[in-house]
């Protein structure tokens, strides 16, 4: 059995960022998981990022996305917006520069006993670790409406399960949802030759314009300088920040989508919901809307987002009874430590205790810094931060 000081489960942006910082500061670290798996397997080719090159993975502020772009001689106008392929190239470069080797193996279960964790991997091997940092991918947290179960599996998909659009060529597609993924998937599906795309969402039409995420910088700085900053805020202040984040990140969609949604194949149904859906015998789905309209489609795409549900993470099944939770989120301390000593949780599952920005790569360096500082502090290597 392999034994290490730190095991990082998850090789996406948060896991790789933590591992890089831990290695740089002398912690014996092993990373397991599909390298950038959600990004390579769950995001379609042709997708663009909502962020710019100022979002990166390095807590040391050396191997940033901007440094990568400069080294490769990439022109800023050529990556505005940033293609997902370019960010994946950056992530691979970052791992190489930081000497972070990811073991492309998945954890089937994690158990704890005698102050050690034992991770059993799907290939039959085991890793023993003093400390574990887990960054669960959001696919475990897919959110679907109640009526989704009435539609056969081969006629429906959540956006994280739909990255190949060729099967939709010539088809009629209903997209449920009205945020960025709904409209970007609509554009991509249209570009792959769908006959008709209907987009149904309960809110009004979103705006499509260029926005700045710079306002998030101050919040991340507060998170680093003042331990427990987000939770220490008054409820009204948290709600104010949540509203602004919602307005920029959810109510406003990217400007570069507008020209891709212009032809008459796209039909938008703002202010409407699906009240009934039934599969017919000819591999189609009939949908009734709250507006009184009826649609017949060949495929339904759920751009309905994600909701934290820690017990749904397969490898945590043996531990969830020992992790304090609220509404599916783990309760974390100021350094992402769960109630189970030695287990840290970061990424999307940390948004309740750290703010909505921790569902985005923007916060990766902050999470890495706080976690690794805490790991070293616990063995007496780092002085306490002062607020």
Protein backbone atom coordinates (compact mmCIF):
# COMPACT_ATOMS: atom_id res chain seq x y z
CA UNK A 1 0.00 0.00 0.00
CA UNK A 2 1.35 3.41 -0.99
CA UNK A 3 1.61 5.90 1.90
CA UNK A 4 1.74 9.69 1.54
CA UNK A 5 1.31 12.79 3.69
CA UNK A 6 -1.33 14.37 1.45
CA UNK A 7 -3.73 12.75 -0.99
CA UNK A 8 -5.59 15.07 -3.36
CA UNK A 9 -8.70 13.49 -4.87
CA UNK A 10 -9.71 15.30 -8.01
CA UNK A 11 -7.43 16.56 -10.77
CA UNK A 12 -9.45 19.53 -11.92
CA UNK A 13 -8.41 23.16 -11.35
CA UNK A 14 -8.87 23.10 -7.56
CA UNK A 15 -7.12 19.78 -7.04
CA UNK A 16 -4.17 20.64 -9.27
CA UNK A 17 -3.84 24.09 -7.71
CA UNK A 18 -3.71 22.66 -4.17
CA UNK A 19 -1.28 19.94 -5.19
CA UNK A 20 1.08 22.42 -6.84
CA UNK A 21 1.17 24.64 -3.78
CA UNK A 22 1.61 21.69 -1.43
CA UNK A 23 4.51 20.29 -3.45
CA UNK A 24 6.14 23.72 -3.69
CA UNK A 25 6.09 23.94 0.11
CA UNK A 26 7.55 20.53 0.73
CA UNK A 27 4.50 18.36 1.37
CA UNK A 28 4.65 14.80 0.06
CA UNK A 29 1.62 14.83 -2.24
CA UNK A 30 -0.17 12.40 -4.55
CA UNK A 31 -2.97 13.46 -6.91
CA UNK A 32 -5.47 10.96 -8.27
CA UNK A 33 -8.26 11.51 -10.74
CA UNK A 34 -8.91 12.10 -14.40
CA UNK A 35 -6.63 15.03 -15.37
CA UNK A 36 -8.94 18.01 -15.96
CA UNK A 37 -11.62 15.38 -16.46
CA UNK A 38 -14.70 17.60 -16.26
CA UNK A 39 -13.15 20.01 -18.72
CA UNK A 40 -12.06 17.37 -21.22
CA UNK A 41 -15.01 14.99 -20.91
CA UNK A 42 -17.93 17.24 -19.95
CA UNK A 43 -17.32 20.44 -21.89
CA UNK A 44 -17.79 20.51 -25.67
CA UNK A 45 -15.22 21.45 -28.25
CA UNK A 46 -15.91 24.94 -29.46
CA UNK A 47 -16.83 26.17 -26.00
CA UNK A 48 -15.44 29.48 -24.73
CA UNK A 49 -14.65 30.59 -21.19
CA UNK A 50 -16.44 33.43 -19.49
CA UNK A 51 -13.18 34.53 -17.90
CA UNK A 52 -10.03 36.11 -19.29
CA UNK A 53 -6.35 35.34 -18.85
CA UNK A 54 -6.32 36.94 -15.39
CA UNK A 55 -7.89 33.78 -13.94
CA UNK A 56 -5.23 31.19 -13.19
CA UNK A 57 -4.18 28.29 -10.93
CA UNK A 58 -0.98 29.42 -9.20
CA UNK A 59 -1.08 30.43 -5.54
CA UNK A 60 2.55 31.57 -5.96
CA UNK A 61 1.53 33.98 -8.77
CA UNK A 62 4.35 32.74 -11.04
CA UNK A 63 2.90 30.23 -13.50
CA UNK A 64 -0.19 32.22 -14.32
CA UNK A 65 -2.35 32.05 -17.43
CA UNK A 66 -0.92 35.41 -18.48
CA UNK A 67 2.62 34.01 -18.14
CA UNK A 68 1.63 31.05 -20.31
CA UNK A 69 0.14 33.30 -22.99
CA UNK A 70 3.24 35.47 -23.02
CA UNK A 71 5.57 32.48 -23.25
CA UNK A 72 3.62 30.99 -26.15
CA UNK A 73 3.42 34.33 -27.96
CA UNK A 74 -0.36 34.27 -28.12
CA UNK A 75 -2.00 37.54 -29.08
CA UNK A 76 -4.70 38.79 -26.69
CA UNK A 77 -7.24 39.51 -29.49
CA UNK A 78 -6.84 35.91 -30.68
CA UNK A 79 -8.18 34.57 -27.37
CA UNK A 80 -11.02 36.99 -26.72
CA UNK A 81 -13.03 35.05 -25.73
CA UNK A 82 -10.75 32.29 -24.44
CA UNK A 83 -11.29 28.93 -26.20
CA UNK A 84 -11.47 26.01 -23.81
CA UNK A 85 -8.64 24.31 -25.70
CA UNK A 86 -6.28 27.17 -24.81
CA UNK A 87 -7.10 26.91 -21.11
CA UNK A 88 -6.53 23.16 -21.23
CA UNK A 89 -3.12 23.80 -22.80
CA UNK A 90 -2.41 26.22 -19.95
CA UNK A 91 -3.47 23.65 -17.33
CA UNK A 92 -1.15 21.02 -18.86
CA UNK A 93 1.70 23.56 -18.97
CA UNK A 94 1.03 24.52 -15.34
CA UNK A 95 1.19 20.90 -14.20
CA UNK A 96 4.46 20.37 -16.08
CA UNK A 97 6.04 23.55 -14.70
CA UNK A 98 4.98 22.63 -11.15
CA UNK A 99 5.99 18.97 -11.54
CA UNK A 100 2.53 17.84 -10.56
CA UNK A 101 2.07 14.27 -11.76
CA UNK A 102 -1.55 13.16 -11.78
CA UNK A 103 -2.27 9.47 -11.40
CA UNK A 104 -5.10 8.86 -13.84
CA UNK A 105 -6.97 6.56 -11.46
CA UNK A 106 -10.33 7.01 -9.76
CA UNK A 107 -11.11 6.55 -6.08
CA UNK A 108 -13.97 4.16 -5.43
CA UNK A 109 -14.09 4.63 -1.64
CA UNK A 110 -12.42 6.58 1.12
CA UNK A 111 -12.30 5.33 4.71
CA UNK A 112 -10.80 6.68 7.92
CA UNK A 113 -9.45 4.91 10.95
CA UNK A 114 -6.59 5.22 13.42
CA UNK A 115 -5.89 8.81 12.32
CA UNK A 116 -5.22 7.72 8.72
CA UNK A 117 -7.28 7.69 5.54
CA UNK A 118 -7.28 4.77 3.14
CA UNK A 119 -8.39 5.38 -0.43
CA UNK A 120 -9.38 2.32 -2.42
CA UNK A 121 -8.97 2.86 -6.13
CA UNK A 122 -10.94 1.31 -8.96
CA UNK A 123 -7.87 -0.60 -10.14
CA UNK A 124 -7.75 -2.48 -6.83
CA UNK A 125 -4.84 -0.58 -5.29
CA UNK A 126 -4.91 1.48 -2.10
CA UNK A 127 -3.29 4.69 -0.89
CA UNK A 128 -2.88 5.59 2.77
CA UNK A 129 -2.73 9.28 3.64
CA UNK A 130 -2.47 11.40 6.75
CA UNK A 131 -4.56 14.15 5.15
CA UNK A 132 -6.98 14.28 2.22
CA UNK A 133 -8.09 17.22 0.11
CA UNK A 134 -11.15 16.36 -1.98
CA UNK A 135 -12.46 18.51 -4.81
CA UNK A 136 -15.60 16.70 -6.03
CA UNK A 137 -16.70 17.42 -9.56
CA UNK A 138 -20.11 19.01 -10.05
CA UNK A 139 -21.47 16.19 -12.20
CA UNK A 140 -22.44 14.44 -8.96
CA UNK A 141 -24.71 17.41 -8.28
CA UNK A 142 -26.79 17.59 -11.47
CA UNK A 143 -30.14 19.26 -10.86
CA UNK A 144 -33.14 18.04 -12.84
CA UNK A 145 -36.84 18.98 -12.70
CA UNK A 146 -39.29 16.44 -11.30
CA UNK A 147 -40.78 15.69 -14.71
CA UNK A 148 -37.42 14.68 -16.19
CA UNK A 149 -38.04 11.09 -15.17
CA UNK A 150 -40.93 10.83 -17.64
CA UNK A 151 -38.51 11.13 -20.55
CA UNK A 152 -36.50 8.08 -21.68
CA UNK A 153 -32.77 8.35 -21.03
CA UNK A 154 -31.92 8.28 -24.74
CA UNK A 155 -34.09 11.34 -25.38
CA UNK A 156 -32.72 13.57 -22.64
CA UNK A 157 -29.41 14.79 -21.21
CA UNK A 158 -28.04 17.28 -18.74
CA UNK A 159 -25.56 19.70 -20.29
CA UNK A 160 -22.66 18.02 -18.46
CA UNK A 161 -23.55 14.77 -20.24
CA UNK A 162 -23.94 16.28 -23.71
CA UNK A 163 -20.74 17.27 -25.47
CA UNK A 164 -21.19 15.55 -28.83
CA UNK A 165 -23.96 17.18 -30.84
CA UNK A 166 -23.82 15.14 -34.05
CA UNK A 167 -26.75 12.94 -32.97
CA UNK A 168 -28.92 16.08 -32.82
CA UNK A 169 -28.26 17.05 -36.43
CA UNK A 170 -31.58 17.59 -38.18
CA UNK A 171 -33.49 17.22 -34.91
CA UNK A 172 -35.81 19.38 -32.85
CA UNK A 173 -34.25 20.19 -29.49
CA UNK A 174 -35.78 21.67 -26.36
CA UNK A 175 -33.37 23.36 -23.93
CA UNK A 176 -34.69 23.91 -20.42
CA UNK A 177 -32.87 26.76 -18.71
CA UNK A 178 -31.87 30.29 -19.57
CA UNK A 179 -28.38 30.94 -18.26
CA UNK A 180 -25.00 30.76 -20.00
CA UNK A 181 -24.89 27.00 -20.54
CA UNK A 182 -28.43 26.99 -21.99
CA UNK A 183 -27.68 29.61 -24.61
CA UNK A 184 -24.16 28.41 -25.38
CA UNK A 185 -25.37 24.83 -25.87
CA UNK A 186 -28.16 26.26 -28.07
CA UNK A 187 -25.57 27.99 -30.24
CA UNK A 188 -23.41 24.87 -30.49
CA UNK A 189 -26.39 22.61 -31.25
CA UNK A 190 -27.48 25.05 -33.96
CA UNK A 191 -23.99 25.08 -35.45
CA UNK A 192 -24.15 21.28 -35.61
CA UNK A 193 -27.22 21.38 -37.82
CA UNK A 194 -30.26 21.02 -35.57
CA UNK A 195 -33.53 21.82 -37.34
CA UNK A 196 -35.10 23.77 -34.50
CA UNK A 197 -34.03 24.82 -31.00
CA UNK A 198 -36.53 25.95 -28.37
CA UNK A 199 -35.18 27.59 -25.20
CA UNK A 200 -37.60 27.68 -22.27
CA UNK A 201 -36.92 29.48 -19.00
CA UNK A 202 -39.02 30.95 -16.24
CA UNK A 203 -37.20 34.29 -16.02
CA UNK A 204 -37.18 37.15 -18.52
CA UNK A 205 -34.69 37.40 -21.36
CA UNK A 206 -31.11 37.75 -20.11
CA UNK A 207 -28.83 40.52 -21.28
CA UNK A 208 -25.97 39.74 -23.67
CA UNK A 209 -23.07 42.10 -23.09
CA UNK A 210 -19.44 42.27 -22.06
CA UNK A 211 -19.01 42.39 -18.29
CA UNK A 212 -16.10 42.66 -15.89
CA UNK A 213 -15.44 40.19 -13.09
CA UNK A 214 -12.90 42.50 -11.45
CA UNK A 215 -15.29 43.18 -8.57
CA UNK A 216 -14.54 39.66 -7.29
CA UNK A 217 -10.87 40.51 -6.62
CA UNK A 218 -11.60 42.42 -3.43
CA UNK A 219 -13.67 39.57 -2.03
CA UNK A 220 -10.89 37.06 -2.58
CA UNK A 221 -8.41 39.44 -0.97
CA UNK A 222 -10.70 39.67 2.07
CA UNK A 223 -10.93 35.87 2.18
CA UNK A 224 -7.15 35.62 2.46
CA UNK A 225 -6.57 38.52 4.85
CA UNK A 226 -9.47 37.83 7.23
CA UNK A 227 -10.05 34.23 8.21
CA UNK A 228 -13.72 33.32 7.95
CA UNK A 229 -14.49 36.61 6.18
CA UNK A 230 -17.55 35.40 4.23
CA UNK A 231 -19.28 33.86 7.24
CA UNK A 232 -18.50 36.88 9.39
CA UNK A 233 -20.50 39.16 7.09
CA UNK A 234 -23.98 40.24 8.06
CA UNK A 235 -26.68 38.36 6.17
CA UNK A 236 -27.69 41.54 4.33
CA UNK A 237 -24.13 42.09 3.09
CA UNK A 238 -23.82 38.48 1.88
CA UNK A 239 -27.13 38.86 0.04
CA UNK A 240 -25.91 42.08 -1.57
CA UNK A 241 -22.77 40.37 -2.87
CA UNK A 242 -24.79 37.35 -3.99
CA UNK A 243 -27.11 39.64 -5.95
CA UNK A 244 -24.23 41.36 -7.71
CA UNK A 245 -22.63 38.03 -8.53
CA UNK A 246 -25.98 36.81 -9.84
CA UNK A 247 -26.45 39.92 -12.00
CA UNK A 248 -23.00 39.64 -13.56
CA UNK A 249 -22.64 35.88 -13.70
CA UNK A 250 -26.20 34.69 -14.28
CA UNK A 251 -28.50 37.45 -15.54
CA UNK A 252 -25.92 38.69 -18.02
CA UNK A 253 -24.66 36.30 -20.69
CA UNK A 254 -21.67 36.65 -22.96
CA UNK A 255 -21.71 39.16 -25.80
CA UNK A 256 -20.17 36.71 -28.25
CA UNK A 257 -23.31 34.55 -28.19
CA UNK A 258 -25.54 37.17 -29.82
CA UNK A 259 -24.52 36.69 -33.49
CA UNK A 260 -24.70 32.91 -33.10
CA UNK A 261 -28.39 32.92 -32.11
CA UNK A 262 -29.85 35.05 -34.88
CA UNK A 263 -31.52 32.74 -37.39
CA UNK A 264 -35.12 31.59 -37.30
CA UNK A 265 -34.31 28.11 -35.97
CA UNK A 266 -34.02 29.58 -32.45
CA UNK A 267 -37.25 30.08 -30.51
CA UNK A 268 -37.14 31.63 -27.04
CA UNK A 269 -39.84 31.20 -24.41
CA UNK A 270 -39.00 33.60 -21.55
CA UNK A 271 -41.32 33.60 -18.55
CA UNK A 272 -42.50 30.06 -19.27
CA UNK A 273 -42.13 26.70 -17.56
CA UNK A 274 -42.79 23.13 -18.59
CA UNK A 275 -46.00 21.96 -16.93
CA UNK A 276 -46.20 18.54 -18.57
CA UNK A 277 -43.95 16.31 -20.66
CA UNK A 278 -44.69 12.92 -22.16
CA UNK A 279 -42.77 10.57 -24.39
CA UNK A 280 -44.68 9.33 -27.41
CA UNK A 281 -44.34 6.03 -29.18
CA UNK A 282 -42.33 7.46 -32.07
CA UNK A 283 -39.27 8.53 -30.05
CA UNK A 284 -40.44 12.11 -29.61
CA UNK A 285 -41.46 14.14 -26.55
CA UNK A 286 -44.54 16.33 -26.32
CA UNK A 287 -44.17 19.27 -23.93
CA UNK A 288 -46.86 21.62 -22.61
CA UNK A 289 -45.75 25.09 -21.47
CA UNK A 290 -47.30 27.36 -18.88
CA UNK A 291 -47.95 29.79 -21.74
CA UNK A 292 -50.42 27.29 -23.22
CA UNK A 293 -48.12 26.38 -26.10
CA UNK A 294 -47.21 22.79 -26.98
CA UNK A 295 -43.95 21.59 -28.48
CA UNK A 296 -42.98 18.30 -30.05
CA UNK A 297 -39.25 17.64 -29.86
CA UNK A 298 -36.76 14.88 -30.48
CA UNK A 299 -34.46 15.61 -27.58
CA UNK A 300 -34.54 17.53 -24.28
CA UNK A 301 -31.43 19.20 -22.87
CA UNK A 302 -31.44 20.23 -19.21
CA UNK A 303 -29.34 23.33 -18.61
CA UNK A 304 -30.65 23.34 -15.06
CA UNK A 305 -27.43 23.68 -13.13
CA UNK A 306 -26.19 21.97 -10.01
CA UNK A 307 -27.10 21.69 -6.34
CA UNK A 308 -24.66 20.57 -3.67
CA UNK A 309 -25.37 17.10 -2.33
CA UNK A 310 -22.27 15.72 -0.66
CA UNK A 311 -23.78 12.25 -0.02
CA UNK A 312 -24.05 11.79 -3.80
CA UNK A 313 -20.24 11.78 -4.18
CA UNK A 314 -19.56 8.03 -4.56
CA UNK A 315 -16.20 7.82 -2.82
CA UNK A 316 -17.50 9.64 0.27
CA UNK A 317 -20.32 7.18 1.03
CA UNK A 318 -18.45 5.64 3.96
CA UNK A 319 -17.71 9.02 5.55
CA UNK A 320 -20.74 11.26 5.04
CA UNK A 321 -22.28 10.19 8.35
CA UNK A 322 -19.28 11.73 10.10
CA UNK A 323 -19.22 14.99 8.15
CA UNK A 324 -21.39 17.83 9.44
CA UNK A 325 -23.57 19.18 6.64
CA UNK A 326 -26.28 21.75 5.93
CA UNK A 327 -28.51 21.49 2.86
CA UNK A 328 -26.05 19.18 1.13
CA UNK A 329 -23.02 21.38 1.81
CA UNK A 330 -20.26 20.35 4.22
CA UNK A 331 -19.66 22.68 7.15
CA UNK A 332 -16.10 23.93 6.72
CA UNK A 333 -13.78 25.93 8.93
CA UNK A 334 -11.75 28.95 7.80
CA UNK A 335 -9.28 26.71 5.94
CA UNK A 336 -11.73 24.36 4.19
CA UNK A 337 -11.37 21.69 6.88
CA UNK A 338 -14.45 19.55 7.43
CA UNK A 339 -15.70 18.26 10.77
CA UNK A 340 -13.83 15.03 10.03
CA UNK A 341 -10.30 15.85 11.11
CA UNK A 342 -7.83 15.69 8.26
CA UNK A 343 -10.40 15.94 5.47
CA UNK A 344 -10.54 19.19 3.48
CA UNK A 345 -13.19 19.91 0.85
CA UNK A 346 -12.92 22.62 -1.78
CA UNK A 347 -14.43 23.85 -5.02
CA UNK A 348 -18.19 24.01 -5.56
CA UNK A 349 -18.98 22.34 -2.22
CA UNK A 350 -17.24 25.23 -0.42
CA UNK A 351 -19.46 27.99 -1.81
CA UNK A 352 -21.77 28.03 1.22
CA UNK A 353 -18.94 28.90 3.63
CA UNK A 354 -16.69 30.89 1.29
CA UNK A 355 -18.97 32.60 -1.22
CA UNK A 356 -20.17 31.94 -4.79
CA UNK A 357 -16.80 32.77 -6.37
CA UNK A 358 -15.45 29.42 -5.10
CA UNK A 359 -17.50 27.69 -7.76
CA UNK A 360 -15.17 29.25 -10.37
CA UNK A 361 -11.48 28.82 -11.19
CA UNK A 362 -10.91 32.41 -10.09
CA UNK A 363 -10.69 31.26 -6.47
CA UNK A 364 -8.32 28.31 -7.00
CA UNK A 365 -5.14 30.10 -5.81
CA UNK A 366 -6.90 31.38 -2.67
CA UNK A 367 -8.19 27.93 -1.74
CA UNK A 368 -4.75 26.40 -2.35
CA UNK A 369 -3.04 29.02 -0.23
CA UNK A 370 -5.42 28.70 2.72
CA UNK A 371 -5.40 24.91 2.73
CA UNK A 372 -1.63 24.52 2.48
CA UNK A 373 -1.02 27.23 5.07
CA UNK A 374 -3.31 25.33 7.41
CA UNK A 375 -1.61 22.01 6.74
CA UNK A 376 1.77 23.51 7.62
CA UNK A 377 0.40 25.46 10.56
CA UNK A 378 -0.85 22.25 12.11
CA UNK A 379 2.72 20.93 12.19
CA UNK A 380 4.12 24.24 13.38
CA UNK A 381 5.64 25.46 10.12
CA UNK A 382 3.52 28.55 9.44
CA UNK A 383 2.60 31.38 11.82
CA UNK A 384 -1.03 32.30 12.31
CA UNK A 385 -2.40 34.92 9.93
CA UNK A 386 -3.76 38.06 11.48
CA UNK A 387 -6.80 39.82 10.11
